[in-house]
Amino acid sequence: MQHYDLTIAGMTCAHCVRSISSALARVPGLEIEHVAVGHARVRTSTPLADAEGTLRAAIEAAGYTLTAVDVDAVTT
């Protein structure tokens, strides 16, 4: 599995964290490792080229903006 660190604009509070957590939980095949204000860490077996659009759509549907996706070199 590949780990992705997501930078998310517009998050300011615990409600935002819950909204992003809920939005990401609905993405098939995605495992949420951690969500905090402005950041989320997830993992999936989907390559970034395919996953980024899905992640962006889920985050934007929740009212936020995905500003960066960093790929962690560690795979499991």
Protein backbone atom coordinates (compact mmCIF):
# COMPACT_ATOMS: atom_id res chain seq x y z
CA MET A 1 0.00 0.00 0.00
CA GLN A 2 1.09 3.54 -0.70
CA HIS A 3 0.86 6.30 1.92
CA TYR A 4 -0.29 9.78 0.90
CA ASP A 5 0.05 12.95 2.96
CA LEU A 6 -2.67 15.39 1.99
CA THR A 7 -2.53 19.14 2.60
CA ILE A 8 -6.05 20.52 2.85
CA ALA A 9 -6.96 24.22 2.82
CA GLY A 10 -9.96 25.64 4.62
CA MET A 11 -9.84 23.45 7.72
CA THR A 12 -9.92 25.41 10.98
CA CYS A 13 -11.50 23.28 13.70
CA ALA A 14 -12.60 19.88 14.98
CA HIS A 15 -15.77 20.07 12.89
CA CYS A 16 -13.59 20.38 9.77
CA VAL A 17 -11.61 17.32 10.86
CA ARG A 18 -14.84 15.33 11.24
CA SER A 19 -16.10 16.52 7.84
CA ILE A 20 -12.89 15.46 6.09
CA SER A 21 -12.80 12.17 7.99
CA SER A 22 -16.35 11.41 6.86
CA ALA A 23 -15.65 12.39 3.26
CA LEU A 24 -12.51 10.25 3.06
CA ALA A 25 -14.24 7.31 4.76
CA ARG A 26 -16.59 7.12 1.78
CA VAL A 27 -13.71 6.62 -0.70
CA PRO A 28 -13.57 2.91 -1.60
CA GLY A 29 -10.29 1.18 -0.77
CA LEU A 30 -8.93 4.11 1.23
CA GLU A 31 -7.65 3.65 4.79
CA ILE A 32 -7.45 6.77 6.95
CA GLU A 33 -4.41 6.87 9.20
CA HIS A 34 -4.80 10.36 10.64
CA VAL A 35 -6.76 13.57 10.07
CA ALA A 36 -5.87 16.90 11.69
CA VAL A 37 -6.55 20.53 10.86
CA GLY A 38 -5.02 21.13 7.43
CA HIS A 39 -3.67 17.62 6.98
CA ALA A 40 -4.63 14.01 6.44
CA ARG A 41 -2.58 10.86 6.03
CA VAL A 42 -4.17 7.99 4.13
CA ARG A 43 -3.13 4.81 2.43
CA THR A 44 -4.40 2.85 -0.52
CA SER A 45 -3.18 0.43 -3.14
CA THR A 46 -4.36 2.82 -5.86
CA PRO A 47 -1.55 4.64 -7.73
CA LEU A 48 -1.43 8.41 -7.21
CA ALA A 49 -2.35 9.09 -10.83
CA ASP A 50 -5.68 7.36 -10.22
CA ALA A 51 -6.21 8.26 -6.55
CA GLU A 52 -5.59 12.00 -6.68
CA GLY A 53 -8.76 12.87 -8.62
CA THR A 54 -10.90 10.76 -6.30
CA LEU A 55 -9.32 12.30 -3.20
CA ARG A 56 -9.70 15.82 -4.61
CA ALA A 57 -13.38 15.19 -5.46
CA ALA A 58 -14.16 13.85 -1.97
CA ILE A 59 -12.43 16.76 -0.26
CA GLU A 60 -14.03 19.38 -2.50
CA ALA A 61 -17.48 17.81 -2.00
CA ALA A 62 -16.96 18.40 1.73
CA GLY A 63 -16.22 22.08 1.04
CA TYR A 64 -12.42 22.12 1.30
CA THR A 65 -9.49 22.26 -1.12
CA LEU A 66 -6.78 19.66 -1.64
CA THR A 67 -3.65 21.76 -2.15
CA ALA A 68 -0.91 19.09 -2.15
CA VAL A 69 -0.42 15.34 -2.16
CA ASP A 70 2.93 13.98 -1.01
CA VAL A 71 3.77 10.35 -1.58
CA ASP A 72 5.53 8.53 1.24
CA ALA A 73 8.20 6.17 -0.05
CA VAL A 74 7.28 3.57 2.57
CA THR A 75 5.05 0.84 1.19
CA THR A 76 3.58 -2.16 2.96
